[in-house]
Structures are given as structure tokens and as C-alpha cells.
Amino acid sequence: MKKLIIITLLNCFIVTLSFSQEKPKLIVGIVVDQMRYDYIYRFWDDFGKDGFKRLVNEGHFFRNTNFGYTPTFTGPGHASIYTGTTPSVHGIISNDWYDKINDTILYCTGDDAMYSVGTDSADGKMSPHLMLTTTFSDELKLFNNGKVIGISLKDRSAIFPAGHSGDVAYWMDGSGKWISSSYYINELPMWLQEENTKDNVSKYMRGIWKVKNEFTHNLDTLLKINGRASIKNTPFGNTILNDLAIRILKEEKLGKNKTTDCLFISYSSTDYIGHQYGPHAPELADTYIRLDKDIAQLLKSIDSKVGFKNVVLFLTADHGVVSEPKELLERNIPAGYFESTVMINGLKLHLSQNFGEGEWVKNYSNNQLFLNHNLIVKKGLELGNLQQICADFLLNTEGVKNTFTAKQIHQNEYQNSFNSLIQNGYNQKRSGDVMVALQTGWISKYWENGGTTHGSSYSYDTHVPLIFWGGNIQQGQTDRKIHIKDIAPTISTILGTAYPNGCTGNPLVEITE
């Protein structure tokens, strides 16, 4: 019996030792901004064998991955991926939002206490201070001292992945240079300063971007008219970011240390182009074909510098996008353009006629209504009742599907329904008094003259791809419904670290068992 116990304990030790030895040397997180799930298959025949196809064929493809909240925007998306929870917990309820306490607008990464690094503009006055919970890389930093780096064309797409404890985040300013914030560093490393002097933007923004018989865009003209930041609205924004990622692998010697390093990459040009041209435009198709080549180059570099067996990589998106309503209407699919200004002006008149003159509405943004609480108290009204009056009035507006009051959300717990997505996106301190959900296919009238957007609770905005890839990842496909918040606890399980402190997701057993 004693011998059996010793053997059992020895086996446990061997298993534990083996687990510790198998921890990856490098975690790579890739977010493709605005990538809908169906794009994998829509562009499959045009992809080469070494990019998206390699990830799918060698990795594990979760084909039913969903965002379990609304609104689906870039800031909340990146925060949710890396914290393993929803805006109700991590607090990033949109890209920007009305601050009802200080009566101002907050940008999700804006931080006036910081100063820009690498630029004289205010583009670097950023930090993750408004994100209320840890990321899986924050927990990794508490576990060991591996390097954590986030990069993107957008500040928020670099900062939230890097987390509170990241070594650095880099993004592109309005002049086309890579910059950072004093939150991370006091000056750019010499190699990046050197990179900025090369003016690689001008190298890529030359000649013609075209697809025969489809479109033609003069890059020189775009550069002259819109400046160096115009590269973001071309596929070459992704390419120049890819160049930076490969350079970072080399300069920072990621994956060469005793501890696990992290590199987080967010390709943003897909979002800029998707907004401008729509999901069915030839410009978008060409952008994904070119991105496929960029990803192939990145995987090749990871192979050579770190090794396939030493890496865990995941690729997903921060949200999807809706087809242009005018295109849907041409195919007899219900859709439309929503005029919020008319709706809110009607509500203001309604409240003034029934309860007296006053500034009843403080703000309407992100499909959320913020009421004047001080005026409500002054008038001797009950907040919950007035919220319901407003919700009932707004519900009668064409294009509105549902309305939810803050009181309603407090008093109920919704499970596995569209209502739960509203609740998961609601943060008591930061969200409004009434939440408005539009009908499928409806978006703001702002886009009536062209382009489209995202933000809803519908599948075109919430259904995204998720692929895990690396030497210890079992190849396969899974069709059960999972959530974007499951990524962080999955990585934490692989690393043997604590889950992010606000985590509400679950590890994916197809990866961890």
C-alpha cells in the first residue's frame, strides 16, 4: 500500500512537472477588426495555403463563437477578449460614452494624466485606466515577468490587450508614426525611432490600389489629400503593422526567454475599409486576400524565430458588421436608417408637455438615454416611473425593436436571450437610464449616403471566428456555442495562472483537456 502511494505521488509529480515544461514560450493574440465569421468561407478560395487556411487546417476552429453582450464595438470587444468578461464587469461600455457624474464625454483609453511618447500630438495621452478588471496577461505578469506587448493602428486595440501591467503598447498617430504613452515608457526604443525615420507609410502609399474591372484608387492622391494616416484606410495599414510585429519578434527576442512572452496584434484596416465600403465591396475582399498573405508571413516568422511547438496563437475578431441597409432593401430584406435626433426631440417635447419645461435629457449616445436626475428630484418625480415613460415613448419609433430601463435591468436576470446581451453590456455606474435596441438591419441615418457600421446584438455583429493554433493545440472544429469571454480563461488554464479577476467565461475543454 505504501509503495502504491509513493508511485501515485511520483506520477502526480511527473504530470505536474510535464505540465510546467509544456507551457508555451509565446502567446500570440490576433484580432481582425470587424471580421465576420462568414468571411473565412466567403474568401476561402482566394486564400493561399499558408495564412488563414493554415490556421484552420492545423489548428482548432470554433465556428460558433459569439459576443454575449451589446454594444459590439472595438473598445468593448478587445477588453472582453482579454479580460474574459463583459462590459457590465470590465466597464468599457463603448468606444466613448457620456460620463453622467461629470457631465462630459469619456474616450475609453483617454488619459490626460499621461503624455505622448514619440509624437508632439495628444494622440499618446492614453492608458487602460478605465478598464476595471485584469487581463489574462496581467495575471501572467503576477505569475512571472515575461514581456507583454500590444500593437495596432488604433490606440484602444493596442492598449486593452496589453492590459494594466503590459510592458508597452504601440499604435499609429495622425502622422503615420508609431507612438506610445508615458503610462508604459518614457521614450521609444532606438530601433523604433529608426523605424519611424524611414517613412514606410510613403513607401506603401505609392501607385495604384486596384482590382481589374472592380475598382481603382490612386494612393498618391489619397496620401496628398488625407495625409499619412490615410494608410489605415487601405490594406497596407495591415501590412505595415505586420512589418512592426515581425520586427518586434526580433528586437524584443520574444519567445526566447525562460518565461512566457505575449504579443498581441490587432489589424484595423479591415474595419476602416469595412465602414467605408461595406462588407460586400471588392475593396474589402481584396483587403482580406492581402491580409491572408500578411498572416502567412507572420506565421513563417513565428516558425523560424520561436517554433510552432513553442507557441499558442489565437485569432478572432472584436465584432462583425451589418450589410448596408440599402443593399438589404434591394433584396427585400427588412432594414432601414434610424433617425435618433427626431426621436429624442419628440421625447423632449413629450416630457416638457407632461412634466413642465426643463432639460430632461442630458445625452443620447450608443443607443442609451441619459436623463437629468437632478431635475427629476426637483420635480418630485420617481426615477423608475419616468424611465418607463421614456421607454414606452421611444418604443413607438420606427426602427426600434425593444427598450429597457435601468430599473428593469436591476430587477431581472436574463439568461440566454437577446435581453441578456443588453444586460451584459450594462454597467450601473456608466450606462444610461433607457437602452434602445434597433430592429435587424437598421443603423444610424449617418450612414445613409454610403458605408455601414456595427454595434447590435444580432448575429452579423456578434458571430465571429475563433481559431487556436500551435504545437500543443489539437486540430479540429467545434460547433457548440461558445463566447468570446471564454478565450481569457482558456489561455490562463494553459499558462497555469489565475483567471482575470472579473472573469465570467469558461475554459474551452477542446483546448485545455
Protein backbone atom coordinates (compact mmCIF):
# COMPACT_ATOMS: atom_id res chain seq x y z
CA MET A 1 0.00 0.00 0.00
CA LYS A 2 2.82 2.37 0.98
CA LYS A 3 4.59 1.56 -2.28
CA LEU A 4 1.40 2.30 -4.24
CA ILE A 5 1.05 5.71 -2.56
CA ILE A 6 4.65 6.57 -3.38
CA ILE A 7 4.16 5.56 -7.02
CA THR A 8 0.96 7.63 -7.22
CA LEU A 9 2.64 10.68 -5.74
CA LEU A 10 5.58 10.22 -8.10
CA ASN A 11 3.23 10.05 -11.07
CA CYS A 12 1.48 13.23 -9.92
CA PHE A 13 4.86 14.93 -9.66
CA ILE A 14 5.80 13.80 -13.16
CA VAL A 15 2.48 15.03 -14.57
CA THR A 16 2.88 18.37 -12.77
CA LEU A 17 6.45 18.71 -13.97
CA SER A 18 5.45 17.81 -17.51
CA PHE A 19 2.64 20.44 -17.45
CA SER A 20 5.05 23.13 -16.30
CA GLN A 21 7.52 22.21 -19.00
CA GLU A 22 4.89 22.37 -21.71
CA LYS A 23 3.93 25.96 -21.10
CA PRO A 24 4.31 27.90 -24.36
CA LYS A 25 7.19 30.29 -24.77
CA LEU A 26 4.98 32.75 -26.65
CA ILE A 27 1.28 33.65 -26.65
CA VAL A 28 0.15 35.47 -29.80
CA GLY A 29 -3.28 37.08 -29.84
CA ILE A 30 -4.59 38.28 -33.21
CA VAL A 31 -7.75 40.35 -33.54
CA VAL A 32 -9.03 41.18 -37.01
CA ASP A 33 -11.15 44.27 -36.57
CA GLN A 34 -14.71 43.84 -37.93
CA MET A 35 -14.19 40.29 -39.22
CA ARG A 36 -17.48 38.43 -39.51
CA TYR A 37 -17.47 34.65 -39.16
CA ASP A 38 -18.62 34.07 -42.73
CA TYR A 39 -15.56 35.83 -44.21
CA ILE A 40 -13.49 32.69 -43.61
CA TYR A 41 -15.64 30.81 -46.09
CA ARG A 42 -16.52 33.71 -48.37
CA PHE A 43 -12.86 34.33 -49.23
CA TRP A 44 -11.61 30.75 -48.75
CA ASP A 45 -10.97 30.03 -52.42
CA ASP A 46 -8.88 33.18 -52.75
CA PHE A 47 -6.71 32.48 -49.70
CA GLY A 48 -3.29 30.92 -50.05
CA LYS A 49 -2.34 27.76 -48.14
CA ASP A 50 -0.11 29.46 -45.54
CA GLY A 51 -2.40 32.06 -43.92
CA PHE A 52 -5.99 31.56 -42.79
CA LYS A 53 -6.07 28.08 -44.35
CA ARG A 54 -3.02 27.02 -42.38
CA LEU A 55 -4.59 28.22 -39.13
CA VAL A 56 -7.82 26.32 -39.85
CA ASN A 57 -6.13 23.15 -41.16
CA GLU A 58 -3.52 22.92 -38.40
CA GLY A 59 -5.48 24.49 -35.52
CA HIS A 60 -8.83 24.23 -33.79
CA PHE A 61 -11.65 26.26 -35.33
CA PHE A 62 -14.54 27.27 -33.06
CA ARG A 63 -17.22 28.04 -35.62
CA ASN A 64 -19.95 29.24 -33.26
CA THR A 65 -18.16 31.94 -31.27
CA ASN A 66 -20.32 34.83 -30.09
CA PHE A 67 -20.17 38.09 -28.17
CA GLY A 68 -22.59 37.76 -25.29
CA TYR A 69 -23.34 41.47 -24.97
CA THR A 70 -24.16 44.64 -26.81
CA PRO A 71 -22.97 47.18 -27.99
CA THR A 72 -20.39 45.43 -30.16
CA PHE A 73 -17.63 47.99 -30.72
CA THR A 74 -13.83 47.91 -30.85
CA GLY A 75 -13.12 49.05 -27.30
CA PRO A 76 -15.52 46.66 -25.53
CA GLY A 77 -14.54 43.88 -27.93
CA HIS A 78 -10.83 44.00 -27.14
CA ALA A 79 -11.47 44.46 -23.43
CA SER A 80 -13.81 41.44 -23.37
CA ILE A 81 -11.41 39.17 -25.27
CA TYR A 82 -8.56 39.78 -22.85
CA THR A 83 -10.45 40.12 -19.53
CA GLY A 84 -12.76 37.16 -20.04
CA THR A 85 -15.87 39.12 -19.11
CA THR A 86 -18.40 41.62 -20.45
CA PRO A 87 -18.82 45.42 -20.23
CA SER A 88 -21.09 45.02 -17.22
CA VAL A 89 -17.97 43.96 -15.30
CA HIS A 90 -14.90 45.41 -17.07
CA GLY A 91 -16.63 48.77 -17.58
CA ILE A 92 -15.69 49.53 -21.20
CA ILE A 93 -19.25 50.06 -22.39
CA SER A 94 -18.36 51.64 -25.74
CA ASN A 95 -15.52 53.39 -27.57
CA ASP A 96 -16.65 56.56 -25.84
CA TRP A 97 -19.55 57.33 -23.56
CA TYR A 98 -21.33 60.05 -21.63
CA ASP A 99 -19.99 60.46 -18.10
CA LYS A 100 -23.18 61.15 -16.14
CA ILE A 101 -21.26 62.08 -13.00
CA ASN A 102 -19.07 64.78 -14.54
CA ASP A 103 -21.33 65.69 -17.49
CA THR A 104 -18.69 65.08 -20.13
CA ILE A 105 -17.71 62.56 -22.81
CA LEU A 106 -15.09 59.95 -21.96
CA TYR A 107 -12.93 58.19 -24.53
CA CYS A 108 -12.28 54.60 -23.49
CA THR A 109 -8.47 54.94 -23.34
CA GLY A 110 -8.17 58.71 -22.96
CA ASP A 111 -6.00 59.80 -20.00
CA ASP A 112 -4.95 63.43 -19.62
CA ALA A 113 -2.62 62.45 -16.78
CA MET A 114 -0.32 60.84 -19.36
CA TYR A 115 1.83 62.40 -22.06
CA SER A 116 2.59 61.26 -25.60
CA VAL A 117 5.76 59.35 -26.39
CA GLY A 118 7.09 59.59 -29.94
CA THR A 119 4.87 62.50 -31.02
CA ASP A 120 4.09 66.09 -30.09
CA SER A 121 0.36 65.49 -30.61
CA ALA A 122 -2.12 64.40 -27.96
CA ASP A 123 -2.51 61.01 -29.66
CA GLY A 124 -0.43 59.35 -26.97
CA LYS A 125 -2.30 60.63 -23.91
CA MET A 126 -3.79 57.22 -23.31
CA SER A 127 -3.90 54.39 -20.79
CA PRO A 128 -6.07 51.42 -19.75
CA HIS A 129 -7.18 53.13 -16.51
CA LEU A 130 -10.90 52.99 -17.36
CA MET A 131 -10.80 49.19 -17.69
CA LEU A 132 -11.85 47.96 -14.26
CA THR A 133 -10.56 44.37 -14.29
CA THR A 134 -7.36 42.50 -15.06
CA THR A 135 -6.49 40.77 -18.32
CA PHE A 136 -5.01 37.29 -18.60
CA SER A 137 -1.64 38.92 -19.32
CA ASP A 138 -1.96 40.97 -16.10
CA GLU A 139 -2.34 37.70 -14.24
CA LEU A 140 0.63 36.30 -16.15
CA LYS A 141 2.70 39.30 -15.03
CA LEU A 142 1.80 38.49 -11.44
CA PHE A 143 2.93 34.90 -12.10
CA ASN A 144 6.18 35.66 -13.95
CA ASN A 145 7.95 38.54 -15.65
CA GLY A 146 7.51 37.69 -19.31
CA LYS A 147 7.20 40.50 -21.84
CA VAL A 148 3.73 41.71 -22.85
CA ILE A 149 3.39 43.93 -25.94
CA GLY A 150 0.26 45.16 -27.75
CA ILE A 151 0.27 46.75 -31.21
CA SER A 152 -2.38 48.14 -33.55
CA LEU A 153 -3.19 51.07 -35.80
CA LYS A 154 -5.72 52.10 -33.11
CA ASP A 155 -4.71 53.05 -29.57
CA ARG A 156 -7.56 51.15 -27.87
CA SER A 157 -6.80 48.00 -29.85
CA ALA A 158 -3.23 48.01 -28.58
CA ILE A 159 -3.83 49.23 -25.03
CA PHE A 160 -6.59 46.92 -23.77
CA PRO A 161 -4.79 43.74 -24.91
CA ALA A 162 -1.56 44.94 -23.27
CA GLY A 163 -3.56 45.37 -20.06
CA HIS A 164 -2.66 47.27 -16.94
CA SER A 165 0.74 45.62 -16.48
CA GLY A 166 1.91 45.34 -20.08
CA ASP A 167 5.44 46.39 -20.96
CA VAL A 168 4.32 48.59 -23.82
CA ALA A 169 1.62 49.29 -26.38
CA TYR A 170 2.33 50.89 -29.77
CA TRP A 171 -0.12 52.46 -32.18
CA MET A 172 -0.08 54.85 -35.14
CA ASP A 173 -0.66 58.59 -34.72
CA GLY A 174 -2.12 61.03 -37.23
CA SER A 175 1.25 61.50 -38.93
CA GLY A 176 1.72 57.79 -39.61
CA LYS A 177 4.36 57.22 -36.91
CA TRP A 178 4.43 54.56 -34.22
CA ILE A 179 3.90 56.08 -30.79
CA SER A 180 3.12 55.15 -27.20
CA SER A 181 2.17 56.66 -23.85
CA SER A 182 4.09 57.65 -20.72
CA TYR A 183 1.91 55.07 -18.97
CA TYR A 184 4.32 52.49 -20.39
CA ILE A 185 7.62 54.14 -21.36
CA ASN A 186 9.42 57.49 -21.35
CA GLU A 187 10.86 57.19 -24.84
CA LEU A 188 10.62 54.91 -27.84
CA PRO A 189 13.33 52.26 -28.18
CA MET A 190 16.09 53.17 -30.63
CA TRP A 191 15.04 50.56 -33.17
CA LEU A 192 11.51 52.01 -33.31
CA GLN A 193 12.83 55.57 -33.57
CA GLU A 194 14.86 54.33 -36.51
CA GLU A 195 11.76 52.70 -37.99
CA ASN A 196 9.85 55.98 -37.75
CA THR A 197 12.57 57.84 -39.68
CA LYS A 198 12.15 55.52 -42.67
CA ASP A 199 8.68 56.91 -43.50
CA ASN A 200 7.41 53.47 -44.51
CA VAL A 201 3.94 54.92 -44.99
CA SER A 202 5.11 56.76 -48.10
CA LYS A 203 6.69 53.53 -49.36
CA TYR A 204 3.34 51.76 -49.29
CA MET A 205 1.17 54.71 -50.36
CA ARG A 206 2.52 54.86 -53.92
CA GLY A 207 0.93 53.99 -57.22
CA ILE A 208 -2.47 52.43 -57.71
CA TRP A 209 -4.52 50.14 -55.49
CA LYS A 210 -6.82 48.30 -57.84
CA VAL A 211 -8.56 45.09 -58.80
CA LYS A 212 -9.15 44.74 -62.53
CA ASN A 213 -12.69 45.60 -63.60
CA GLU A 214 -13.64 46.24 -59.96
CA PHE A 215 -12.03 49.44 -58.59
CA THR A 216 -9.06 51.78 -58.91
CA HIS A 217 -7.72 54.07 -56.15
CA ASN A 218 -4.75 56.41 -56.56
CA LEU A 219 -2.66 56.01 -53.42
CA ASP A 220 -0.52 59.07 -54.14
CA THR A 221 -3.65 61.20 -54.28
CA LEU A 222 -5.03 59.71 -51.05
CA LEU A 223 -1.72 60.43 -49.33
CA LYS A 224 -1.63 64.01 -50.62
CA ILE A 225 -5.22 64.81 -49.66
CA ASN A 226 -5.63 62.87 -46.40
CA GLY A 227 -2.07 62.64 -45.05
CA ARG A 228 -0.07 59.66 -43.84
CA ALA A 229 -2.85 58.37 -41.63
CA SER A 230 -4.72 57.53 -44.84
CA ILE A 231 -2.79 54.26 -44.94
CA LYS A 232 -5.25 52.99 -42.32
CA ASN A 233 -7.98 53.07 -44.97
CA THR A 234 -6.00 50.78 -47.27
CA PRO A 235 -4.88 47.14 -46.95
CA PHE A 236 -1.35 48.42 -46.47
CA GLY A 237 -2.22 49.59 -42.96
CA ASN A 238 -2.37 45.91 -42.04
CA THR A 239 0.88 45.23 -43.88
CA ILE A 240 2.84 47.97 -42.13
CA LEU A 241 1.51 46.69 -38.79
CA ASN A 242 2.59 43.19 -39.76
CA ASP A 243 6.08 44.52 -40.50
CA LEU A 244 6.14 46.00 -36.99
CA ALA A 245 5.06 42.70 -35.42
CA ILE A 246 7.85 40.80 -37.17
CA ARG A 247 10.36 43.48 -36.16
CA ILE A 248 9.22 43.24 -32.53
CA LEU A 249 9.67 39.46 -32.53
CA LYS A 250 13.29 40.04 -33.49
CA GLU A 251 14.15 43.13 -31.43
CA GLU A 252 12.44 42.04 -28.22
CA LYS A 253 13.53 38.41 -28.60
CA LEU A 254 10.03 37.23 -27.79
CA GLY A 255 9.76 33.53 -27.07
CA LYS A 256 13.45 33.31 -26.25
CA ASN A 257 13.10 33.81 -22.52
CA LYS A 258 12.60 31.38 -19.64
CA THR A 259 9.16 32.83 -19.02
CA THR A 260 6.18 33.12 -21.38
CA ASP A 261 6.02 36.27 -23.52
CA CYS A 262 2.93 37.77 -25.16
CA LEU A 263 2.47 39.63 -28.43
CA PHE A 264 -0.99 40.99 -29.20
CA ILE A 265 -1.74 42.23 -32.73
CA SER A 266 -4.93 43.94 -33.90
CA TYR A 267 -5.35 44.51 -37.64
CA SER A 268 -7.52 47.61 -38.01
CA SER A 269 -7.60 48.37 -41.75
CA THR A 270 -10.33 45.77 -42.22
CA ASP A 271 -12.56 47.93 -40.01
CA TYR A 272 -11.77 51.23 -41.71
CA ILE A 273 -12.40 49.73 -45.14
CA GLY A 274 -15.48 47.82 -44.00
CA HIS A 275 -17.05 51.01 -42.66
CA GLN A 276 -16.24 52.95 -45.81
CA TYR A 277 -17.23 50.43 -48.48
CA GLY A 278 -19.41 47.81 -46.77
CA PRO A 279 -18.95 44.04 -46.34
CA HIS A 280 -19.73 43.13 -49.95
CA ALA A 281 -17.36 45.59 -51.62
CA PRO A 282 -14.48 44.34 -53.79
CA GLU A 283 -12.17 46.59 -51.75
CA LEU A 284 -12.94 44.54 -48.66
CA ALA A 285 -12.40 41.24 -50.46
CA ASP A 286 -9.02 42.41 -51.71
CA THR A 287 -8.11 43.60 -48.21
CA TYR A 288 -8.69 40.11 -46.78
CA ILE A 289 -6.76 38.44 -49.58
CA ARG A 290 -3.81 40.73 -48.81
CA LEU A 291 -4.22 40.19 -45.05
CA ASP A 292 -4.03 36.46 -45.68
CA LYS A 293 -0.57 36.98 -47.16
CA ASP A 294 0.45 39.15 -44.21
CA ILE A 295 -0.64 36.47 -41.74
CA ALA A 296 1.24 33.85 -43.74
CA GLN A 297 4.38 35.96 -43.41
CA LEU A 298 3.79 36.36 -39.67
CA LEU A 299 3.34 32.61 -39.13
CA LYS A 300 6.51 31.95 -41.10
CA SER A 301 8.40 34.39 -38.88
CA ILE A 302 6.99 32.82 -35.71
CA ASP A 303 8.01 29.39 -37.01
CA SER A 304 11.58 30.48 -37.66
CA LYS A 305 12.11 32.61 -34.55
CA VAL A 306 10.17 30.70 -31.88
CA GLY A 307 8.95 27.43 -33.36
CA PHE A 308 5.47 26.04 -33.91
CA LYS A 309 5.70 23.76 -30.85
CA ASN A 310 6.51 26.67 -28.54
CA VAL A 311 3.57 28.90 -29.49
CA VAL A 312 -0.10 29.22 -28.66
CA LEU A 313 -1.83 31.59 -31.06
CA PHE A 314 -5.46 32.59 -31.27
CA LEU A 315 -7.21 34.60 -33.96
CA THR A 316 -10.61 36.21 -33.54
CA ALA A 317 -12.47 39.49 -34.12
CA ASP A 318 -13.73 42.31 -31.91
CA HIS A 319 -17.14 42.47 -33.66
CA GLY A 320 -18.80 41.93 -37.01
CA VAL A 321 -20.73 44.29 -39.28
CA VAL A 322 -24.15 44.67 -40.88
CA SER A 323 -24.70 44.80 -44.62
CA GLU A 324 -25.63 48.23 -45.93
CA PRO A 325 -29.40 48.69 -45.40
CA LYS A 326 -29.88 49.97 -48.94
CA GLU A 327 -28.39 46.74 -50.25
CA LEU A 328 -30.63 44.67 -47.98
CA LEU A 329 -33.69 46.61 -49.09
CA GLU A 330 -32.81 45.94 -52.74
CA ARG A 331 -33.17 42.23 -51.89
CA ASN A 332 -36.44 42.74 -49.99
CA ILE A 333 -34.76 42.14 -46.65
CA PRO A 334 -36.11 44.34 -43.81
CA ALA A 335 -33.71 47.17 -42.99
CA GLY A 336 -33.60 50.92 -42.61
CA TYR A 337 -31.87 54.06 -41.40
CA PHE A 338 -32.66 55.27 -37.93
CA GLU A 339 -33.04 58.98 -37.13
CA SER A 340 -32.25 59.33 -33.41
CA THR A 341 -32.40 63.16 -33.41
CA VAL A 342 -36.07 63.21 -34.42
CA MET A 343 -36.85 60.58 -31.79
CA ILE A 344 -35.11 62.43 -28.95
CA ASN A 345 -36.57 65.81 -29.91
CA GLY A 346 -40.00 64.21 -29.79
CA LEU A 347 -39.26 62.78 -26.36
CA LYS A 348 -38.08 66.15 -25.02
CA LEU A 349 -41.30 67.77 -26.20
CA HIS A 350 -43.37 64.96 -24.66
CA LEU A 351 -41.66 65.31 -21.28
CA SER A 352 -41.92 69.11 -21.28
CA GLN A 353 -45.63 68.99 -22.11
CA ASN A 354 -46.36 66.49 -19.34
CA PHE A 355 -43.95 67.48 -16.57
CA GLY A 356 -43.01 71.09 -17.28
CA GLU A 357 -40.14 72.82 -19.04
CA GLY A 358 -36.59 71.74 -18.35
CA GLU A 359 -33.51 69.93 -19.65
CA TRP A 360 -34.97 66.47 -19.24
CA VAL A 361 -32.46 64.70 -21.48
CA LYS A 362 -28.76 65.11 -20.74
CA ASN A 363 -27.46 62.86 -23.51
CA TYR A 364 -28.37 60.23 -26.07
CA SER A 365 -25.48 58.14 -27.42
CA ASN A 366 -24.65 54.49 -28.10
CA ASN A 367 -28.42 53.85 -28.14
CA GLN A 368 -28.63 54.91 -24.49
CA LEU A 369 -30.73 57.68 -22.98
CA PHE A 370 -29.36 59.66 -20.02
CA LEU A 371 -31.94 61.63 -18.03
CA ASN A 372 -31.42 64.68 -15.82
CA HIS A 373 -31.59 63.13 -12.36
CA ASN A 374 -31.32 66.47 -10.55
CA LEU A 375 -34.34 67.81 -12.44
CA ILE A 376 -36.30 64.65 -11.72
CA VAL A 377 -35.65 65.07 -7.99
CA LYS A 378 -36.52 68.78 -8.17
CA LYS A 379 -39.83 67.98 -9.83
CA GLY A 380 -40.59 65.36 -7.19
CA LEU A 381 -40.83 62.51 -9.70
CA GLU A 382 -39.89 58.86 -9.23
CA LEU A 383 -36.93 57.91 -11.42
CA GLY A 384 -38.11 54.41 -12.28
CA ASN A 385 -41.52 55.66 -13.38
CA LEU A 386 -40.01 58.32 -15.64
CA GLN A 387 -37.61 55.79 -17.14
CA GLN A 388 -40.59 53.62 -18.06
CA ILE A 389 -42.48 56.58 -19.57
CA CYS A 390 -39.46 57.33 -21.75
CA ALA A 391 -39.03 53.68 -22.71
CA ASP A 392 -42.68 53.42 -23.76
CA PHE A 393 -42.41 56.59 -25.83
CA LEU A 394 -39.20 55.51 -27.60
CA LEU A 395 -40.64 52.08 -28.38
CA ASN A 396 -43.16 53.70 -30.73
CA THR A 397 -40.37 54.99 -33.00
CA GLU A 398 -39.94 53.27 -36.36
CA GLY A 399 -36.88 51.04 -36.33
CA VAL A 400 -36.91 50.42 -32.56
CA LYS A 401 -37.37 46.79 -31.55
CA ASN A 402 -37.04 46.90 -27.76
CA THR A 403 -36.41 49.35 -24.94
CA PHE A 404 -35.05 48.53 -21.49
CA THR A 405 -34.99 50.68 -18.38
CA ALA A 406 -32.14 50.65 -15.88
CA LYS A 407 -34.65 49.65 -13.19
CA GLN A 408 -35.80 46.74 -15.31
CA ILE A 409 -32.23 45.51 -15.75
CA HIS A 410 -31.54 45.81 -12.00
CA GLN A 411 -34.60 43.81 -11.02
CA ASN A 412 -34.29 40.95 -13.51
CA GLU A 413 -31.67 38.43 -14.56
CA TYR A 414 -31.90 37.39 -18.20
CA GLN A 415 -30.45 34.11 -19.42
CA ASN A 416 -29.64 33.08 -22.99
CA SER A 417 -31.78 35.67 -24.76
CA PHE A 418 -31.38 38.98 -26.58
CA ASN A 419 -32.31 40.60 -23.29
CA SER A 420 -29.23 39.06 -21.67
CA LEU A 421 -26.99 40.76 -24.22
CA ILE A 422 -28.38 44.13 -23.16
CA GLN A 423 -27.85 43.25 -19.52
CA ASN A 424 -24.27 42.07 -20.07
CA GLY A 425 -23.45 45.35 -21.78
CA TYR A 426 -24.94 47.43 -18.97
CA ASN A 427 -22.71 48.91 -16.27
CA GLN A 428 -24.61 50.54 -13.43
CA LYS A 429 -22.21 53.44 -12.93
CA ARG A 430 -21.62 54.17 -16.62
CA SER A 431 -24.71 53.18 -18.59
CA GLY A 432 -27.87 55.18 -19.23
CA ASP A 433 -31.45 55.21 -17.94
CA VAL A 434 -33.01 53.64 -21.03
CA MET A 435 -31.38 51.28 -23.53
CA VAL A 436 -32.71 51.13 -27.09
CA ALA A 437 -32.36 48.09 -29.36
CA LEU A 438 -32.98 48.60 -33.08
CA GLN A 439 -34.60 46.18 -35.49
CA THR A 440 -32.39 43.85 -37.51
CA GLY A 441 -30.75 45.60 -40.44
CA TRP A 442 -31.31 49.09 -39.04
CA ILE A 443 -28.44 51.51 -38.43
CA SER A 444 -27.97 55.24 -37.91
CA LYS A 445 -29.01 57.63 -40.67
CA TYR A 446 -25.40 58.87 -40.56
CA TRP A 447 -24.58 56.03 -42.98
CA GLU A 448 -27.40 56.72 -45.45
CA ASN A 449 -25.04 58.08 -48.12
CA GLY A 450 -22.75 55.07 -48.03
CA GLY A 451 -20.90 52.70 -45.74
CA THR A 452 -22.10 50.77 -42.75
CA THR A 453 -21.44 50.05 -39.07
CA HIS A 454 -21.93 47.62 -36.18
CA GLY A 455 -22.91 47.60 -32.52
CA SER A 456 -26.09 45.50 -32.33
CA SER A 457 -26.95 42.23 -30.60
CA TYR A 458 -27.61 40.42 -33.88
CA SER A 459 -25.54 37.63 -35.39
CA TYR A 460 -23.97 39.78 -38.10
CA ASP A 461 -22.34 41.79 -35.28
CA THR A 462 -21.84 39.09 -32.64
CA HIS A 463 -20.80 35.95 -34.60
CA VAL A 464 -17.05 35.91 -35.20
CA PRO A 465 -14.35 33.35 -35.99
CA LEU A 466 -12.07 31.89 -33.32
CA ILE A 467 -9.06 29.73 -34.17
CA PHE A 468 -6.44 28.36 -31.77
CA TRP A 469 -3.13 27.28 -33.32
CA GLY A 470 0.17 25.95 -32.02
CA GLY A 471 2.16 22.84 -31.29
CA ASN A 472 0.02 21.59 -28.40
CA ILE A 473 -3.36 22.55 -29.88
CA GLN A 474 -5.42 19.59 -31.08
CA GLN A 475 -6.59 20.07 -34.66
CA GLY A 476 -10.34 20.06 -35.21
CA GLN A 477 -13.59 22.00 -35.44
CA THR A 478 -16.21 22.71 -32.79
CA ASP A 479 -19.76 23.87 -33.49
CA ARG A 480 -21.13 24.21 -29.96
CA LYS A 481 -21.93 27.76 -28.95
CA ILE A 482 -19.15 29.46 -27.03
CA HIS A 483 -18.48 33.06 -26.05
CA ILE A 484 -15.65 35.48 -26.65
CA LYS A 485 -15.17 35.74 -22.87
CA ASP A 486 -14.03 32.07 -22.91
CA ILE A 487 -10.71 32.96 -24.56
CA ALA A 488 -9.07 34.50 -21.49
CA PRO A 489 -9.73 31.62 -19.04
CA THR A 490 -8.58 29.19 -21.75
CA ILE A 491 -5.23 30.95 -22.04
CA SER A 492 -5.00 31.22 -18.24
CA THR A 493 -5.57 27.47 -17.93
CA ILE A 494 -2.85 26.76 -20.48
CA LEU A 495 -0.47 29.02 -18.56
CA GLY A 496 -1.47 27.73 -15.14
CA THR A 497 -2.22 31.24 -13.90
CA ALA A 498 -5.18 32.74 -12.08
CA TYR A 499 -8.12 33.80 -14.21
CA PRO A 500 -8.58 37.56 -14.74
CA ASN A 501 -10.19 38.91 -11.58
CA GLY A 502 -13.53 39.72 -13.22
CA CYS A 503 -13.64 36.64 -15.45
CA THR A 504 -17.09 35.19 -16.18
CA GLY A 505 -16.06 32.91 -19.06
CA ASN A 506 -15.14 29.22 -19.04
CA PRO A 507 -12.08 27.46 -20.43
CA LEU A 508 -12.57 25.65 -23.72
CA VAL A 509 -12.16 21.96 -22.94
CA GLU A 510 -11.29 21.20 -26.56
CA ILE A 511 -8.08 23.17 -25.95
CA THR A 512 -7.32 22.59 -22.29
CA GLU A 513 -8.07 18.86 -21.81
